[in-house]
Structures are given as structure tokens and as C-alpha cells.
C-alpha atoms as a PDB file:
ATOM      1  CA  UNK A   1       0.000   0.000   0.000  1.00  0.00           C
ATOM      2  CA  UNK A   2       1.287   3.479  -0.872  1.00  0.00           C
ATOM      3  CA  UNK A   3       2.687   5.560   1.943  1.00  0.00           C
ATOM      4  CA  UNK A   4       0.301   8.344   2.981  1.00  0.00           C
ATOM      5  CA  UNK A   5       2.173  11.621   3.052  1.00  0.00           C
ATOM      6  CA  UNK A   6       1.996  15.331   2.428  1.00  0.00           C
ATOM      7  CA  UNK A   7       3.164  16.051  -1.133  1.00  0.00           C
ATOM      8  CA  UNK A   8       3.496  19.806  -0.638  1.00  0.00           C
ATOM      9  CA  UNK A   9       7.190  19.467   0.272  1.00  0.00           C
ATOM     10  CA  UNK A  10       7.932  17.409  -2.848  1.00  0.00           C
ATOM     11  CA  UNK A  11       9.711  18.883  -5.839  1.00  0.00           C
ATOM     12  CA  UNK A  12       9.517  16.643  -8.904  1.00  0.00           C
ATOM     13  CA  UNK A  13      11.884  17.047 -11.851  1.00  0.00           C
ATOM     14  CA  UNK A  14      11.065  15.173 -15.052  1.00  0.00           C
ATOM     15  CA  UNK A  15      13.926  15.096 -17.555  1.00  0.00           C
ATOM     16  CA  UNK A  16      12.759  14.447 -21.094  1.00  0.00           C
ATOM     17  CA  UNK A  17       9.567  16.253 -22.087  1.00  0.00           C
ATOM     18  CA  UNK A  18       6.960  14.775 -24.408  1.00  0.00           C
ATOM     19  CA  UNK A  19       3.290  13.803 -24.707  1.00  0.00           C
ATOM     20  CA  UNK A  20       3.654  10.321 -23.187  1.00  0.00           C
ATOM     21  CA  UNK A  21       5.106   9.304 -19.820  1.00  0.00           C
ATOM     22  CA  UNK A  22       6.596  12.707 -19.038  1.00  0.00           C
ATOM     23  CA  UNK A  23       3.333  14.558 -19.612  1.00  0.00           C
ATOM     24  CA  UNK A  24       1.358  12.005 -17.598  1.00  0.00           C
ATOM     25  CA  UNK A  25       3.830  12.266 -14.728  1.00  0.00           C
ATOM     26  CA  UNK A  26       3.746  16.059 -14.786  1.00  0.00           C
ATOM     27  CA  UNK A  27      -0.057  16.158 -14.701  1.00  0.00           C
ATOM     28  CA  UNK A  28      -0.350  13.597 -11.907  1.00  0.00           C
ATOM     29  CA  UNK A  29       2.422  15.038  -9.758  1.00  0.00           C
ATOM     30  CA  UNK A  30       0.952  18.530 -10.104  1.00  0.00           C
ATOM     31  CA  UNK A  31      -2.504  17.231  -9.188  1.00  0.00           C
ATOM     32  CA  UNK A  32      -0.957  15.613  -6.099  1.00  0.00           C
ATOM     33  CA  UNK A  33       0.326  18.975  -4.897  1.00  0.00           C
ATOM     34  CA  UNK A  34       3.961  18.653  -5.926  1.00  0.00           C
ATOM     35  CA  UNK A  35       5.990  21.475  -7.391  1.00  0.00           C
ATOM     36  CA  UNK A  36       6.885  20.184 -10.863  1.00  0.00           C
ATOM     37  CA  UNK A  37       9.630  21.022 -13.347  1.00  0.00           C
ATOM     38  CA  UNK A  38       9.947  19.506 -16.828  1.00  0.00           C
ATOM     39  CA  UNK A  39      13.204  19.682 -18.773  1.00  0.00           C
ATOM     40  CA  UNK A  40      13.497  19.147 -22.516  1.00  0.00           C
ATOM     41  CA  UNK A  41      16.018  19.889 -25.222  1.00  0.00           C
ATOM     42  CA  UNK A  42      13.259  21.487 -27.289  1.00  0.00           C
ATOM     43  CA  UNK A  43      10.561  23.428 -25.450  1.00  0.00           C
ATOM     44  CA  UNK A  44       8.642  24.230 -28.644  1.00  0.00           C
ATOM     45  CA  UNK A  45       6.044  21.469 -28.174  1.00  0.00           C
ATOM     46  CA  UNK A  46       2.307  22.062 -27.662  1.00  0.00           C
ATOM     47  CA  UNK A  47       2.151  19.524 -24.825  1.00  0.00           C
ATOM     48  CA  UNK A  48       4.803  21.446 -22.879  1.00  0.00           C
ATOM     49  CA  UNK A  49       2.855  24.669 -23.230  1.00  0.00           C
ATOM     50  CA  UNK A  50      -0.187  22.865 -21.846  1.00  0.00           C
ATOM     51  CA  UNK A  51       1.805  21.510 -18.900  1.00  0.00           C
ATOM     52  CA  UNK A  52       3.142  24.988 -18.162  1.00  0.00           C
ATOM     53  CA  UNK A  53      -0.415  26.336 -18.191  1.00  0.00           C
ATOM     54  CA  UNK A  54      -1.282  23.704 -15.579  1.00  0.00           C
ATOM     55  CA  UNK A  55       1.547  24.859 -13.326  1.00  0.00           C
ATOM     56  CA  UNK A  56       4.681  22.988 -14.393  1.00  0.00           C
ATOM     57  CA  UNK A  57       7.865  25.015 -14.785  1.00  0.00           C
ATOM     58  CA  UNK A  58       9.721  24.396 -18.056  1.00  0.00           C
ATOM     59  CA  UNK A  59      13.497  24.295 -18.459  1.00  0.00           C
ATOM     60  CA  UNK A  60      15.508  24.025 -21.664  1.00  0.00           C
ATOM     61  CA  UNK A  61      18.245  21.429 -21.159  1.00  0.00           C
ATOM     62  CA  UNK A  62      20.398  19.137 -23.248  1.00  0.00           C
ATOM     63  CA  UNK A  63      20.577  16.262 -20.788  1.00  0.00           C
ATOM     64  CA  UNK A  64      23.701  14.923 -22.480  1.00  0.00           C
ATOM     65  CA  UNK A  65      25.616  18.135 -21.722  1.00  0.00           C
ATOM     66  CA  UNK A  66      27.181  18.221 -18.231  1.00  0.00           C
ATOM     67  CA  UNK A  67      26.956  22.009 -17.887  1.00  0.00           C
ATOM     68  CA  UNK A  68      23.300  22.026 -18.922  1.00  0.00           C
ATOM     69  CA  UNK A  69      22.361  19.369 -16.375  1.00  0.00           C
ATOM     70  CA  UNK A  70      24.260  21.104 -13.600  1.00  0.00           C
ATOM     71  CA  UNK A  71      22.523  24.388 -14.467  1.00  0.00           C
ATOM     72  CA  UNK A  72      19.136  22.630 -14.573  1.00  0.00           C
ATOM     73  CA  UNK A  73      19.413  21.316 -11.030  1.00  0.00           C
ATOM     74  CA  UNK A  74      20.696  24.649  -9.774  1.00  0.00           C
ATOM     75  CA  UNK A  75      17.774  26.536 -11.365  1.00  0.00           C
ATOM     76  CA  UNK A  76      15.153  24.062 -10.121  1.00  0.00           C
ATOM     77  CA  UNK A  77      16.570  24.183  -6.610  1.00  0.00           C
ATOM     78  CA  UNK A  78      16.617  27.981  -6.623  1.00  0.00           C
ATOM     79  CA  UNK A  79      13.087  28.406  -8.007  1.00  0.00           C
ATOM     80  CA  UNK A  80      11.124  25.435  -6.642  1.00  0.00           C
ATOM     81  CA  UNK A  81      13.354  23.839  -4.020  1.00  0.00           C
ATOM     82  CA  UNK A  82      15.629  20.825  -3.912  1.00  0.00           C
ATOM     83  CA  UNK A  83      14.209  17.922  -5.959  1.00  0.00           C
ATOM     84  CA  UNK A  84      12.879  14.966  -3.993  1.00  0.00           C
ATOM     85  CA  UNK A  85      11.703  13.016  -7.063  1.00  0.00           C
ATOM     86  CA  UNK A  86      13.676  12.862 -10.311  1.00  0.00           C
ATOM     87  CA  UNK A  87      12.481  10.924 -13.355  1.00  0.00           C
ATOM     88  CA  UNK A  88      14.877  10.272 -16.243  1.00  0.00           C
ATOM     89  CA  UNK A  89      12.583   9.592 -19.191  1.00  0.00           C
ATOM     90  CA  UNK A  90      14.785   9.699 -22.294  1.00  0.00           C
ATOM     91  CA  UNK A  91      14.754   6.960 -24.932  1.00  0.00           C
ATOM     92  CA  UNK A  92      17.789   8.411 -26.693  1.00  0.00           C
ATOM     93  CA  UNK A  93      17.691   6.548 -29.975  1.00  0.00           C
ATOM     94  CA  UNK A  94      18.488   8.506 -33.099  1.00  0.00           C
ATOM     95  CA  UNK A  95      16.503   7.582 -36.205  1.00  0.00           C
ATOM     96  CA  UNK A  96      19.526   6.239 -38.079  1.00  0.00           C
ATOM     97  CA  UNK A  97      19.998   3.251 -35.730  1.00  0.00           C
ATOM     98  CA  UNK A  98      16.461   1.837 -36.068  1.00  0.00           C
ATOM     99  CA  UNK A  99      16.469  -1.626 -37.632  1.00  0.00           C
ATOM    100  CA  UNK A 100      20.153  -1.478 -38.551  1.00  0.00           C
ATOM    101  CA  UNK A 101      22.345  -4.584 -38.419  1.00  0.00           C
ATOM    102  CA  UNK A 102      25.801  -4.614 -36.886  1.00  0.00           C
ATOM    103  CA  UNK A 103      27.484  -4.379 -40.301  1.00  0.00           C
ATOM    104  CA  UNK A 104      25.512  -1.373 -41.510  1.00  0.00           C
ATOM    105  CA  UNK A 105      24.845   0.914 -38.555  1.00  0.00           C
ATOM    106  CA  UNK A 106      26.949   4.084 -38.539  1.00  0.00           C
ATOM    107  CA  UNK A 107      29.265   4.170 -35.485  1.00  0.00           C
ATOM    108  CA  UNK A 108      28.746   7.883 -34.857  1.00  0.00           C
ATOM    109  CA  UNK A 109      24.969   7.369 -34.580  1.00  0.00           C
ATOM    110  CA  UNK A 110      25.548   4.563 -32.088  1.00  0.00           C
ATOM    111  CA  UNK A 111      27.663   6.952 -30.039  1.00  0.00           C
ATOM    112  CA  UNK A 112      24.862   9.531 -30.240  1.00  0.00           C
ATOM    113  CA  UNK A 113      22.363   6.981 -28.921  1.00  0.00           C
ATOM    114  CA  UNK A 114      24.607   6.027 -26.019  1.00  0.00           C
ATOM    115  CA  UNK A 115      25.219   9.688 -25.217  1.00  0.00           C
ATOM    116  CA  UNK A 116      21.558  10.667 -25.379  1.00  0.00           C
ATOM    117  CA  UNK A 117      20.340   7.717 -23.296  1.00  0.00           C
ATOM    118  CA  UNK A 118      23.003   6.302 -20.979  1.00  0.00           C
ATOM    119  CA  UNK A 119      25.343   9.256 -20.530  1.00  0.00           C
ATOM    120  CA  UNK A 120      22.432  11.593 -19.901  1.00  0.00           C
ATOM    121  CA  UNK A 121      21.105   9.124 -17.305  1.00  0.00           C
ATOM    122  CA  UNK A 122      24.464   9.271 -15.537  1.00  0.00           C
ATOM    123  CA  UNK A 123      24.559  13.079 -15.573  1.00  0.00           C
ATOM    124  CA  UNK A 124      21.024  13.385 -14.226  1.00  0.00           C
ATOM    125  CA  UNK A 125      21.611  10.752 -11.557  1.00  0.00           C
ATOM    126  CA  UNK A 126      24.844  12.403 -10.454  1.00  0.00           C
ATOM    127  CA  UNK A 127      23.234  15.800  -9.950  1.00  0.00           C
ATOM    128  CA  UNK A 128      20.156  14.231  -8.332  1.00  0.00           C
ATOM    129  CA  UNK A 129      22.337  12.349  -5.860  1.00  0.00           C
ATOM    130  CA  UNK A 130      24.341  15.446  -4.988  1.00  0.00           C
ATOM    131  CA  UNK A 131      21.161  17.368  -4.211  1.00  0.00           C
ATOM    132  CA  UNK A 132      19.285  14.581  -2.442  1.00  0.00           C
ATOM    133  CA  UNK A 133      22.144  13.669  -0.133  1.00  0.00           C
ATOM    134  CA  UNK A 134      21.754  17.147   1.359  1.00  0.00           C
ATOM    135  CA  UNK A 135      17.962  16.846   1.696  1.00  0.00           C
ATOM    136  CA  UNK A 136      16.719  16.429   5.263  1.00  0.00           C
ATOM    137  CA  UNK A 137      15.028  13.046   5.705  1.00  0.00           C
ATOM    138  CA  UNK A 138      11.241  13.008   5.412  1.00  0.00           C
ATOM    139  CA  UNK A 139       9.074  11.424   8.089  1.00  0.00           C
ATOM    140  CA  UNK A 140       9.608   8.094   6.318  1.00  0.00           C
ATOM    141  CA  UNK A 141      13.395   8.514   6.463  1.00  0.00           C
ATOM    142  CA  UNK A 142      13.694   8.996   2.692  1.00  0.00           C
ATOM    143  CA  UNK A 143      15.713  11.817   1.127  1.00  0.00           C
ATOM    144  CA  UNK A 144      14.479  11.337  -2.428  1.00  0.00           C
ATOM    145  CA  UNK A 145      13.666   9.051  -5.337  1.00  0.00           C
ATOM    146  CA  UNK A 146      15.397   8.570  -8.693  1.00  0.00           C
ATOM    147  CA  UNK A 147      13.459   6.664 -11.375  1.00  0.00           C
ATOM    148  CA  UNK A 148      14.794   5.539 -14.749  1.00  0.00           C
ATOM    149  CA  UNK A 149      12.349   4.744 -17.536  1.00  0.00           C
ATOM    150  CA  UNK A 150      13.863   1.818 -19.431  1.00  0.00           C
ATOM    151  CA  UNK A 151      12.813  -0.728 -22.054  1.00  0.00           C
ATOM    152  CA  UNK A 152      12.766  -4.483 -22.559  1.00  0.00           C
ATOM    153  CA  UNK A 153      16.067  -4.022 -24.391  1.00  0.00           C
ATOM    154  CA  UNK A 154      17.562  -3.658 -20.912  1.00  0.00           C
ATOM    155  CA  UNK A 155      16.925  -7.386 -20.430  1.00  0.00           C
ATOM    156  CA  UNK A 156      17.322  -8.810 -23.940  1.00  0.00           C
ATOM    157  CA  UNK A 157      19.147  -7.604 -27.016  1.00  0.00           C
ATOM    158  CA  UNK A 158      16.881  -7.813 -30.026  1.00  0.00           C
ATOM    159  CA  UNK A 159      18.303  -8.438 -33.528  1.00  0.00           C
ATOM    160  CA  UNK A 160      19.219  -5.307 -35.464  1.00  0.00           C
ATOM    161  CA  UNK A 161      18.954  -3.213 -32.309  1.00  0.00           C
ATOM    162  CA  UNK A 162      22.462  -3.267 -30.891  1.00  0.00           C
ATOM    163  CA  UNK A 163      22.734   0.460 -30.195  1.00  0.00           C
ATOM    164  CA  UNK A 164      19.527   0.556 -28.186  1.00  0.00           C
ATOM    165  CA  UNK A 165      20.396  -2.659 -26.324  1.00  0.00           C
ATOM    166  CA  UNK A 166      23.747  -1.153 -25.346  1.00  0.00           C
ATOM    167  CA  UNK A 167      22.080   2.028 -24.080  1.00  0.00           C
ATOM    168  CA  UNK A 168      19.353   0.220 -22.126  1.00  0.00           C
ATOM    169  CA  UNK A 169      21.766  -2.264 -20.560  1.00  0.00           C
ATOM    170  CA  UNK A 170      23.992   0.649 -19.564  1.00  0.00           C
ATOM    171  CA  UNK A 171      21.083   2.461 -17.873  1.00  0.00           C
ATOM    172  CA  UNK A 172      20.130  -0.725 -16.032  1.00  0.00           C
ATOM    173  CA  UNK A 173      23.707  -1.212 -14.835  1.00  0.00           C
ATOM    174  CA  UNK A 174      23.927   2.394 -13.702  1.00  0.00           C
ATOM    175  CA  UNK A 175      20.636   2.105 -11.830  1.00  0.00           C
ATOM    176  CA  UNK A 176      21.671  -1.112 -10.072  1.00  0.00           C
ATOM    177  CA  UNK A 177      25.032   0.298  -9.062  1.00  0.00           C
ATOM    178  CA  UNK A 178      23.719   3.547  -7.632  1.00  0.00           C
ATOM    179  CA  UNK A 179      20.784   1.786  -5.956  1.00  0.00           C
ATOM    180  CA  UNK A 180      23.262  -0.257  -3.932  1.00  0.00           C
ATOM    181  CA  UNK A 181      25.239   2.890  -3.178  1.00  0.00           C
ATOM    182  CA  UNK A 182      22.432   5.341  -2.419  1.00  0.00           C
ATOM    183  CA  UNK A 183      19.582   3.336  -0.919  1.00  0.00           C
ATOM    184  CA  UNK A 184      21.446   2.871   2.393  1.00  0.00           C
ATOM    185  CA  UNK A 185      21.739   6.668   2.423  1.00  0.00           C
ATOM    186  CA  UNK A 186      18.008   7.211   2.078  1.00  0.00           C
ATOM    187  CA  UNK A 187      17.649   7.618  -1.691  1.00  0.00           C
ATOM    188  CA  UNK A 188      15.297   5.210  -3.446  1.00  0.00           C
ATOM    189  CA  UNK A 189      16.485   4.229  -6.947  1.00  0.00           C
ATOM    190  CA  UNK A 190      14.218   2.337  -9.342  1.00  0.00           C
ATOM    191  CA  UNK A 191      14.704   0.968 -12.860  1.00  0.00           C
ATOM    192  CA  UNK A 192      11.441   0.484 -14.805  1.00  0.00           C
ATOM    193  CA  UNK A 193      11.738  -1.473 -18.074  1.00  0.00           C
ATOM    194  CA  UNK A 194       8.560  -1.083 -20.143  1.00  0.00           C
ATOM    195  CA  UNK A 195       8.039  -4.077 -22.418  1.00  0.00           C
ATOM    196  CA  UNK A 196       5.537  -2.448 -24.753  1.00  0.00           C
ATOM    197  CA  UNK A 197       4.772   0.489 -26.965  1.00  0.00           C
ATOM    198  CA  UNK A 198       3.400   3.392 -24.939  1.00  0.00           C
ATOM    199  CA  UNK A 199       0.161   4.754 -26.343  1.00  0.00           C
ATOM    200  CA  UNK A 200      -0.899   8.182 -25.127  1.00  0.00           C
ATOM    201  CA  UNK A 201      -4.223   9.953 -25.541  1.00  0.00           C
ATOM    202  CA  UNK A 202      -4.691  11.715 -28.877  1.00  0.00           C
ATOM    203  CA  UNK A 203      -6.871  14.694 -29.756  1.00  0.00           C
ATOM    204  CA  UNK A 204      -9.750  12.393 -30.706  1.00  0.00           C
ATOM    205  CA  UNK A 205      -9.621  10.628 -27.336  1.00  0.00           C
ATOM    206  CA  UNK A 206      -8.023   7.424 -28.587  1.00  0.00           C
ATOM    207  CA  UNK A 207      -4.714   6.098 -27.300  1.00  0.00           C
ATOM    208  CA  UNK A 208      -2.069   5.522 -29.946  1.00  0.00           C
ATOM    209  CA  UNK A 209       1.648   5.162 -30.695  1.00  0.00           C
ATOM    210  CA  UNK A 210       3.174   6.528 -33.871  1.00  0.00           C
ATOM    211  CA  UNK A 211       4.557   3.122 -34.897  1.00  0.00           C
ATOM    212  CA  UNK A 212       2.317   0.652 -33.057  1.00  0.00           C
ATOM    213  CA  UNK A 213      -0.974   2.274 -34.097  1.00  0.00           C
ATOM    214  CA  UNK A 214      -4.128   2.745 -32.047  1.00  0.00           C
ATOM    215  CA  UNK A 215      -4.560   0.887 -28.780  1.00  0.00           C
ATOM    216  CA  UNK A 216      -7.018  -2.017 -28.904  1.00  0.00           C
ATOM    217  CA  UNK A 217      -8.182  -3.723 -25.707  1.00  0.00           C
ATOM    218  CA  UNK A 218      -5.316  -2.201 -23.675  1.00  0.00           C
ATOM    219  CA  UNK A 219      -2.590  -3.746 -25.841  1.00  0.00           C
ATOM    220  CA  UNK A 220      -0.446  -0.594 -25.477  1.00  0.00           C
ATOM    221  CA  UNK A 221       0.955   0.645 -22.173  1.00  0.00           C
ATOM    222  CA  UNK A 222      -1.011   3.572 -20.761  1.00  0.00           C
ATOM    223  CA  UNK A 223       1.279   6.429 -19.652  1.00  0.00           C
ATOM    224  CA  UNK A 224      -1.243   7.579 -17.047  1.00  0.00           C
ATOM    225  CA  UNK A 225      -0.962   4.178 -15.364  1.00  0.00           C
ATOM    226  CA  UNK A 226       2.840   4.338 -15.606  1.00  0.00           C
ATOM    227  CA  UNK A 227       2.763   7.711 -13.856  1.00  0.00           C
ATOM    228  CA  UNK A 228       0.678   6.169 -11.072  1.00  0.00           C
ATOM    229  CA  UNK A 229       3.343   3.497 -10.594  1.00  0.00           C
ATOM    230  CA  UNK A 230       6.098   6.132 -10.457  1.00  0.00           C
ATOM    231  CA  UNK A 231       4.174   7.970  -7.744  1.00  0.00           C
ATOM    232  CA  UNK A 232       3.723   4.716  -5.843  1.00  0.00           C
ATOM    233  CA  UNK A 233       7.450   4.000  -6.081  1.00  0.00           C
ATOM    234  CA  UNK A 234       8.178   7.446  -4.677  1.00  0.00           C
ATOM    235  CA  UNK A 235       5.833   6.793  -1.766  1.00  0.00           C
ATOM    236  CA  UNK A 236       6.963   3.273  -0.931  1.00  0.00           C
ATOM    237  CA  UNK A 237       8.068   2.642   2.624  1.00  0.00           C
ATOM    238  CA  UNK A 238      11.812   2.125   2.859  1.00  0.00           C
ATOM    239  CA  UNK A 239      11.306  -1.301   4.426  1.00  0.00           C
ATOM    240  CA  UNK A 240      10.037  -2.522   1.030  1.00  0.00           C
ATOM    241  CA  UNK A 241      11.661  -0.382  -1.651  1.00  0.00           C
ATOM    242  CA  UNK A 242      11.326  -1.942  -5.112  1.00  0.00           C
ATOM    243  CA  UNK A 243      14.366  -1.642  -7.346  1.00  0.00           C
ATOM    244  CA  UNK A 244      13.214  -3.104 -10.674  1.00  0.00           C
ATOM    245  CA  UNK A 245       9.592  -3.193 -11.843  1.00  0.00           C
ATOM    246  CA  UNK A 246       8.934  -4.594 -15.321  1.00  0.00           C
ATOM    247  CA  UNK A 247       5.724  -3.339 -16.944  1.00  0.00           C
ATOM    248  CA  UNK A 248       3.882  -4.920 -19.858  1.00  0.00           C
ATOM    249  CA  UNK A 249       0.267  -5.018 -21.043  1.00  0.00           C
ATOM    250  CA  UNK A 250      -1.697  -8.167 -20.287  1.00  0.00           C
ATOM    251  CA  UNK A 251      -1.637  -9.146 -23.979  1.00  0.00           C
ATOM    252  CA  UNK A 252       2.099  -8.623 -24.526  1.00  0.00           C
ATOM    253  CA  UNK A 253       4.053 -11.740 -25.573  1.00  0.00           C
ATOM    254  CA  UNK A 254       7.266 -12.180 -23.595  1.00  0.00           C
END
């Protein structure tokens, strides 16, 4: 059962802004009384304007640039307060690595994917840890929560997907390492592989994914439900902190 607590002291930072998981998290966290910041490389997205209108604070940030990430955490801390919940929600793949075999993928695009996904996860986690270690413990004893959105490629390398498998495995390894380091210091770290396409609500009310199509009978992961899990992870009692939670729709083959 989720821990009952006052969310007014919580500052949530979501790194990676888009209409799916990030938007759902921002809406839910705001509704729960948290002070919410959303960071994205490109702020010129209609969904971000809508989130800002609902109370989220937007920050331009290249999460793969150390100086940008350091500035992001400094600005959020100065304007909203020290983050107590940080979500890294960046896929990181560049278009040129999709469906490319080992003999044909361009090495520089593989490096870009690793930088966007795994290196950015490290930079965000490093700054989150530095801030959270100075946070006073809450009534539950926790100083903060770091959540990594991941994919099934963190557990199995699919054919013609080497770059993404490398990035997802790297994020999983980072999460496991820092969980063992930081959890005894009061920081909950969770890795959440999502074994599905994520279908978010479209203008016509349907849920859809740009490649997987329109959701039928809940065959696509619902980002609103993912956001609920992230909130639950943040509120878990430290006697039963979950590290890895794998999510998949009931119809997903695995």
C-alpha cells in the first residue's frame, strides 16, 4: 500500500519532455500537490505549453551536456526547491539506428544513442544524488527518489537493435550500481523497463503510438498508469523499496 504523506514538500523534476510518460507524470504530480519542473532539449512542443499552463515550470536542457544538467538542477533548486523526485525519461535513440544490423549501422549514430540515453542518465543521476544527499530526511526517512524509464532491451538484445540494447543495458547497470550505493543513504532508486509500446491519448480521445498504431483492448501501455506506478514507487516505505519493476500489457508476448 502506498505511503500516505503530504506532497506539498515534494519537488519533482522530469527530464525528457513529451506527450507520453513525461506529460502524464507532470499532470499527476501537479494534481498531487507537488511542485513540478519539466526539462526538454526542445521546449517548442504544444504539450509542454499545456503543462506549463497547468503549473509545471519548463526548463531548456540538453541532458547529455554536463553544464546544462548542472545548471538545470541549480535553477530548479533555486526556483522550486531541492528535488525529492527525479524521473529520467529519455529513450535516446536517433533515427539512423532503427532496424540497422551490426554491419551497416553508422558508429557515430551509435555513439549519439549512447550519449543521449546512458550518458544523460548518468549526468542526471549524479546531480540528483548530490542534491538529495543534502535533503533532510522526510518522516519516512527517505531523502528522495530517482526513477529511470527503461525498455525491454535492458533485459534482452533484439536483432538489429544493438545500439539501443547497449544504451538500455547501460542504464540498467547504472541504476543497479547507484541503488546499492544510495539506498542505504536514504535515496530510493528504481529501474522500470517497459516491455511495450506506450500509447498516449490523442486529440480524438483514442490512445495511440506513432509506430504501433491505435490501442485495442489495452494492448499498449497507458502512460497515465505508468505515472501512477512512479508515484507509488516514490511513496513506498523504505522497508520494502522496489528496485526493478517490469511493466507490460496483459496481452504482450514475452
